[in-house]
Amino acid sequence: MSDANTGVIGVLFVCTGNICRSPMAEGIFRHYVEQAGLSGRIKTDSAGTGAWNVGEPPHPGVMAILAERGIRYTHRARIVRLDDFAHFNYIVAAERTHLETLRRMVGSSLVHLSLLLDYAPDLGLRDVPDPYYNGRFREVHDMIDRACRGLLDHIIRVERLL
């Protein structure tokens, strides 16, 4: 949860292996947080539901599209841990299977669990497709970008940050 002493709000993005969708979302979201002047108020991270990529950097397709946008980003894949539910206010899943995994892990909690595309309802989709399998990094980027803008707007409104 947010640190009562600092008021920092934590946002964790989750996908399967933490090398495509969730690091892309983290990089894009962090970029918008910085542009809004909220870096000291919102912290971000990303993780996966599976452990097979732990320690690996993001997929080269992710890094290429972030670099095209001028977003500098470094990350090493990690798995979601139980203590994440105590350190993050918002845990945002790339797809419904991740959301169900997170719900099973936590049971009941004060953390806000949601799907990333909940913040871009105009897209008419629930799950972010995995570009690891289809190579559509630009298409996925555009979906994630729209959802990250919506998520930041939501957090600013709900948490009264501006």
C-alpha atoms as a PDB file:
ATOM      1  CA  MET A   1       0.000   0.000   0.000  1.00  0.00           C
ATOM      2  CA  SER A   2       1.097   3.579  -0.158  1.00  0.00           C
ATOM      3  CA  ASP A   3       3.585   4.585   2.480  1.00  0.00           C
ATOM      4  CA  ALA A   4       1.663   6.612   5.061  1.00  0.00           C
ATOM      5  CA  ASN A   5       4.758   8.722   5.737  1.00  0.00           C
ATOM      6  CA  THR A   6       5.493   9.591   2.115  1.00  0.00           C
ATOM      7  CA  GLY A   7       2.109   9.207   0.439  1.00  0.00           C
ATOM      8  CA  VAL A   8       3.706   7.330  -2.468  1.00  0.00           C
ATOM      9  CA  ILE A   9       1.217   5.306  -4.512  1.00  0.00           C
ATOM     10  CA  GLY A  10       2.446   1.991  -5.902  1.00  0.00           C
ATOM     11  CA  VAL A  11       1.404   0.563  -9.276  1.00  0.00           C
ATOM     12  CA  LEU A  12       2.456  -2.952 -10.299  1.00  0.00           C
ATOM     13  CA  PHE A  13       1.874  -4.224 -13.843  1.00  0.00           C
ATOM     14  CA  VAL A  14       1.564  -8.001 -14.294  1.00  0.00           C
ATOM     15  CA  CYS A  15       1.749 -10.298 -17.319  1.00  0.00           C
ATOM     16  CA  THR A  16       2.865 -13.883 -17.881  1.00  0.00           C
ATOM     17  CA  GLY A  17       6.663 -13.811 -18.035  1.00  0.00           C
ATOM     18  CA  ASN A  18       7.387 -10.129 -17.331  1.00  0.00           C
ATOM     19  CA  ILE A  19       9.300  -9.605 -20.565  1.00  0.00           C
ATOM     20  CA  CYS A  20       6.660  -8.118 -22.921  1.00  0.00           C
ATOM     21  CA  ARG A  21       3.381  -6.569 -21.805  1.00  0.00           C
ATOM     22  CA  SER A  22       4.040  -5.663 -18.176  1.00  0.00           C
ATOM     23  CA  PRO A  23       7.467  -4.076 -18.728  1.00  0.00           C
ATOM     24  CA  MET A  24       6.064  -2.188 -21.718  1.00  0.00           C
ATOM     25  CA  ALA A  25       3.235  -0.912 -19.519  1.00  0.00           C
ATOM     26  CA  GLU A  26       5.640   0.007 -16.736  1.00  0.00           C
ATOM     27  CA  GLY A  27       7.891   1.958 -19.103  1.00  0.00           C
ATOM     28  CA  ILE A  28       5.006   3.808 -20.759  1.00  0.00           C
ATOM     29  CA  PHE A  29       3.221   4.524 -17.473  1.00  0.00           C
ATOM     30  CA  ARG A  30       6.412   5.762 -15.808  1.00  0.00           C
ATOM     31  CA  HIS A  31       6.951   8.078 -18.791  1.00  0.00           C
ATOM     32  CA  TYR A  32       3.491   9.611 -18.297  1.00  0.00           C
ATOM     33  CA  VAL A  33       4.036   9.867 -14.530  1.00  0.00           C
ATOM     34  CA  GLU A  34       7.278  11.791 -15.174  1.00  0.00           C
ATOM     35  CA  GLN A  35       5.575  14.068 -17.711  1.00  0.00           C
ATOM     36  CA  ALA A  36       2.870  14.835 -15.135  1.00  0.00           C
ATOM     37  CA  GLY A  37       5.515  15.737 -12.544  1.00  0.00           C
ATOM     38  CA  LEU A  38       4.383  12.911 -10.252  1.00  0.00           C
ATOM     39  CA  SER A  39       7.560  10.788 -10.050  1.00  0.00           C
ATOM     40  CA  GLY A  40       7.835  11.442  -6.329  1.00  0.00           C
ATOM     41  CA  ARG A  41       4.204  10.473  -5.755  1.00  0.00           C
ATOM     42  CA  ILE A  42       3.810   7.301  -7.853  1.00  0.00           C
ATOM     43  CA  LYS A  43       6.201   4.338  -7.981  1.00  0.00           C
ATOM     44  CA  THR A  44       5.962   1.624 -10.595  1.00  0.00           C
ATOM     45  CA  ASP A  45       7.215  -1.895 -11.150  1.00  0.00           C
ATOM     46  CA  SER A  46       6.257  -4.964 -13.132  1.00  0.00           C
ATOM     47  CA  ALA A  47       6.253  -8.708 -12.541  1.00  0.00           C
ATOM     48  CA  GLY A  48       5.094 -11.965 -14.066  1.00  0.00           C
ATOM     49  CA  THR A  49       2.883 -14.812 -12.922  1.00  0.00           C
ATOM     50  CA  GLY A  50       5.413 -17.382 -14.197  1.00  0.00           C
ATOM     51  CA  ALA A  51       9.055 -17.772 -13.194  1.00  0.00           C
ATOM     52  CA  TRP A  52      10.690 -19.003 -16.407  1.00  0.00           C
ATOM     53  CA  ASN A  53      12.040 -15.544 -17.445  1.00  0.00           C
ATOM     54  CA  VAL A  54      13.230 -14.357 -14.025  1.00  0.00           C
ATOM     55  CA  GLY A  55      16.356 -12.244 -14.384  1.00  0.00           C
ATOM     56  CA  GLU A  56      15.971 -11.662 -18.127  1.00  0.00           C
ATOM     57  CA  PRO A  57      15.661  -8.208 -19.705  1.00  0.00           C
ATOM     58  CA  PRO A  58      12.522  -7.212 -21.616  1.00  0.00           C
ATOM     59  CA  HIS A  59      11.992  -8.670 -25.086  1.00  0.00           C
ATOM     60  CA  PRO A  60      13.942  -6.787 -27.800  1.00  0.00           C
ATOM     61  CA  GLY A  61      10.628  -5.820 -29.442  1.00  0.00           C
ATOM     62  CA  VAL A  62       9.594  -4.030 -26.248  1.00  0.00           C
ATOM     63  CA  MET A  63      12.904  -2.229 -25.954  1.00  0.00           C
ATOM     64  CA  ALA A  64      12.787  -1.149 -29.615  1.00  0.00           C
ATOM     65  CA  ILE A  65       9.334   0.410 -29.385  1.00  0.00           C
ATOM     66  CA  LEU A  66      10.122   2.149 -26.091  1.00  0.00           C
ATOM     67  CA  ALA A  67      13.343   3.526 -27.592  1.00  0.00           C
ATOM     68  CA  GLU A  68      11.383   4.821 -30.605  1.00  0.00           C
ATOM     69  CA  ARG A  69       9.247   6.791 -28.144  1.00  0.00           C
ATOM     70  CA  GLY A  70      12.334   8.124 -26.373  1.00  0.00           C
ATOM     71  CA  ILE A  71      11.581   6.109 -23.244  1.00  0.00           C
ATOM     72  CA  ARG A  72      14.697   4.923 -21.412  1.00  0.00           C
ATOM     73  CA  TYR A  73      13.928   1.769 -19.501  1.00  0.00           C
ATOM     74  CA  THR A  74      15.793  -0.994 -17.706  1.00  0.00           C
ATOM     75  CA  HIS A  75      14.271  -3.968 -15.954  1.00  0.00           C
ATOM     76  CA  ARG A  76      14.920  -7.596 -15.099  1.00  0.00           C
ATOM     77  CA  ALA A  77      11.987  -9.980 -15.062  1.00  0.00           C
ATOM     78  CA  ARG A  78      10.679 -11.088 -11.700  1.00  0.00           C
ATOM     79  CA  ILE A  79       7.727 -13.043 -10.389  1.00  0.00           C
ATOM     80  CA  VAL A  80       4.827 -11.616  -8.373  1.00  0.00           C
ATOM     81  CA  ARG A  81       5.456 -12.059  -4.642  1.00  0.00           C
ATOM     82  CA  LEU A  82       2.957 -12.079  -1.792  1.00  0.00           C
ATOM     83  CA  ASP A  83       4.566  -8.958  -0.307  1.00  0.00           C
ATOM     84  CA  ASP A  84       3.665  -7.075  -3.501  1.00  0.00           C
ATOM     85  CA  PHE A  85       0.094  -6.985  -2.200  1.00  0.00           C
ATOM     86  CA  ALA A  86       1.333  -4.978   0.784  1.00  0.00           C
ATOM     87  CA  HIS A  87       3.536  -2.615  -1.235  1.00  0.00           C
ATOM     88  CA  PHE A  88       1.314  -1.662  -4.167  1.00  0.00           C
ATOM     89  CA  ASN A  89      -2.044   0.108  -4.198  1.00  0.00           C
ATOM     90  CA  TYR A  90      -2.853  -0.884  -7.769  1.00  0.00           C
ATOM     91  CA  ILE A  91      -1.969  -4.223  -9.317  1.00  0.00           C
ATOM     92  CA  VAL A  92      -2.880  -4.169 -12.982  1.00  0.00           C
ATOM     93  CA  ALA A  93      -3.078  -7.375 -15.020  1.00  0.00           C
ATOM     94  CA  ALA A  94      -2.590  -7.708 -18.767  1.00  0.00           C
ATOM     95  CA  GLU A  95      -5.268 -10.372 -19.119  1.00  0.00           C
ATOM     96  CA  ARG A  96      -8.022 -12.140 -17.211  1.00  0.00           C
ATOM     97  CA  THR A  97      -5.926 -15.252 -16.472  1.00  0.00           C
ATOM     98  CA  HIS A  98      -3.402 -13.040 -14.653  1.00  0.00           C
ATOM     99  CA  LEU A  99      -6.180 -11.327 -12.732  1.00  0.00           C
ATOM    100  CA  GLU A 100      -7.542 -14.693 -11.575  1.00  0.00           C
ATOM    101  CA  THR A 101      -4.048 -15.811 -10.513  1.00  0.00           C
ATOM    102  CA  LEU A 102      -3.629 -12.618  -8.504  1.00  0.00           C
ATOM    103  CA  ARG A 103      -7.024 -13.045  -6.844  1.00  0.00           C
ATOM    104  CA  ARG A 104      -6.145 -16.608  -5.833  1.00  0.00           C
ATOM    105  CA  MET A 105      -2.832 -15.420  -4.405  1.00  0.00           C
ATOM    106  CA  VAL A 106      -4.231 -12.633  -2.260  1.00  0.00           C
ATOM    107  CA  GLY A 107      -7.720 -13.708  -1.225  1.00  0.00           C
ATOM    108  CA  SER A 108      -8.986 -10.443   0.214  1.00  0.00           C
ATOM    109  CA  SER A 109      -6.882  -7.323   0.342  1.00  0.00           C
ATOM    110  CA  LEU A 110      -7.166  -3.576   0.172  1.00  0.00           C
ATOM    111  CA  VAL A 111      -5.130  -3.539  -3.017  1.00  0.00           C
ATOM    112  CA  HIS A 112      -7.019  -2.551  -6.166  1.00  0.00           C
ATOM    113  CA  LEU A 113      -6.818  -5.404  -8.715  1.00  0.00           C
ATOM    114  CA  SER A 114      -7.842  -4.631 -12.287  1.00  0.00           C
ATOM    115  CA  LEU A 115      -7.246  -5.327 -15.943  1.00  0.00           C
ATOM    116  CA  LEU A 116      -5.102  -2.830 -17.822  1.00  0.00           C
ATOM    117  CA  LEU A 117      -7.646  -2.443 -20.602  1.00  0.00           C
ATOM    118  CA  ASP A 118     -10.314  -1.481 -18.034  1.00  0.00           C
ATOM    119  CA  TYR A 119      -8.700   1.956 -18.366  1.00  0.00           C
ATOM    120  CA  ALA A 120      -9.279   2.052 -22.141  1.00  0.00           C
ATOM    121  CA  PRO A 121     -12.899   0.873 -22.427  1.00  0.00           C
ATOM    122  CA  ASP A 122     -13.262   2.422 -25.877  1.00  0.00           C
ATOM    123  CA  LEU A 123     -11.014  -0.337 -27.270  1.00  0.00           C
ATOM    124  CA  GLY A 124     -13.720  -2.919 -26.568  1.00  0.00           C
ATOM    125  CA  LEU A 125     -11.181  -5.505 -25.384  1.00  0.00           C
ATOM    126  CA  ARG A 126     -10.473  -7.074 -22.005  1.00  0.00           C
ATOM    127  CA  ASP A 127      -7.118  -8.806 -22.598  1.00  0.00           C
ATOM    128  CA  VAL A 128      -3.920  -7.341 -24.031  1.00  0.00           C
ATOM    129  CA  PRO A 129      -2.684  -9.789 -26.697  1.00  0.00           C
ATOM    130  CA  ASP A 130       0.773 -11.215 -26.056  1.00  0.00           C
ATOM    131  CA  PRO A 131       3.220  -9.874 -28.685  1.00  0.00           C
ATOM    132  CA  TYR A 132       5.680 -12.607 -27.730  1.00  0.00           C
ATOM    133  CA  TYR A 133       3.577 -14.953 -29.840  1.00  0.00           C
ATOM    134  CA  ASN A 134       2.260 -12.663 -32.573  1.00  0.00           C
ATOM    135  CA  GLY A 135       5.072 -10.085 -32.958  1.00  0.00           C
ATOM    136  CA  ARG A 136       2.596  -7.188 -32.975  1.00  0.00           C
ATOM    137  CA  PHE A 137       4.571  -4.990 -30.604  1.00  0.00           C
ATOM    138  CA  ARG A 138       3.351  -1.716 -32.146  1.00  0.00           C
ATOM    139  CA  GLU A 139      -0.324  -2.719 -31.941  1.00  0.00           C
ATOM    140  CA  VAL A 140       0.122  -3.865 -28.343  1.00  0.00           C
ATOM    141  CA  HIS A 141       2.038  -0.683 -27.549  1.00  0.00           C
ATOM    142  CA  ASP A 142      -0.843   1.450 -28.824  1.00  0.00           C
ATOM    143  CA  MET A 143      -3.348  -0.425 -26.623  1.00  0.00           C
ATOM    144  CA  ILE A 144      -1.107  -0.214 -23.573  1.00  0.00           C
ATOM    145  CA  ASP A 145      -0.367   3.451 -24.205  1.00  0.00           C
ATOM    146  CA  ARG A 146      -4.054   4.352 -24.262  1.00  0.00           C
ATOM    147  CA  ALA A 147      -4.729   2.284 -21.121  1.00  0.00           C
ATOM    148  CA  CYS A 148      -1.767   3.806 -19.251  1.00  0.00           C
ATOM    149  CA  ARG A 149      -3.068   7.300 -19.950  1.00  0.00           C
ATOM    150  CA  GLY A 150      -6.475   6.219 -18.651  1.00  0.00           C
ATOM    151  CA  LEU A 151      -4.950   4.603 -15.558  1.00  0.00           C
ATOM    152  CA  LEU A 152      -2.951   7.710 -14.720  1.00  0.00           C
ATOM    153  CA  ASP A 153      -6.034   9.896 -15.151  1.00  0.00           C
ATOM    154  CA  HIS A 154      -7.939   7.527 -12.852  1.00  0.00           C
ATOM    155  CA  ILE A 155      -5.230   7.588 -10.168  1.00  0.00           C
ATOM    156  CA  ILE A 156      -4.904  11.370 -10.322  1.00  0.00           C
ATOM    157  CA  ARG A 157      -8.679  11.717  -9.900  1.00  0.00           C
ATOM    158  CA  VAL A 158      -9.189   9.051  -7.197  1.00  0.00           C
ATOM    159  CA  GLU A 159      -6.056   9.865  -5.190  1.00  0.00           C
ATOM    160  CA  ARG A 160      -6.486  13.640  -5.692  1.00  0.00           C
ATOM    161  CA  LEU A 161      -2.900  14.102  -6.841  1.00  0.00           C
ATOM    162  CA  LEU A 162      -3.259  17.336  -8.789  1.00  0.00           C
END
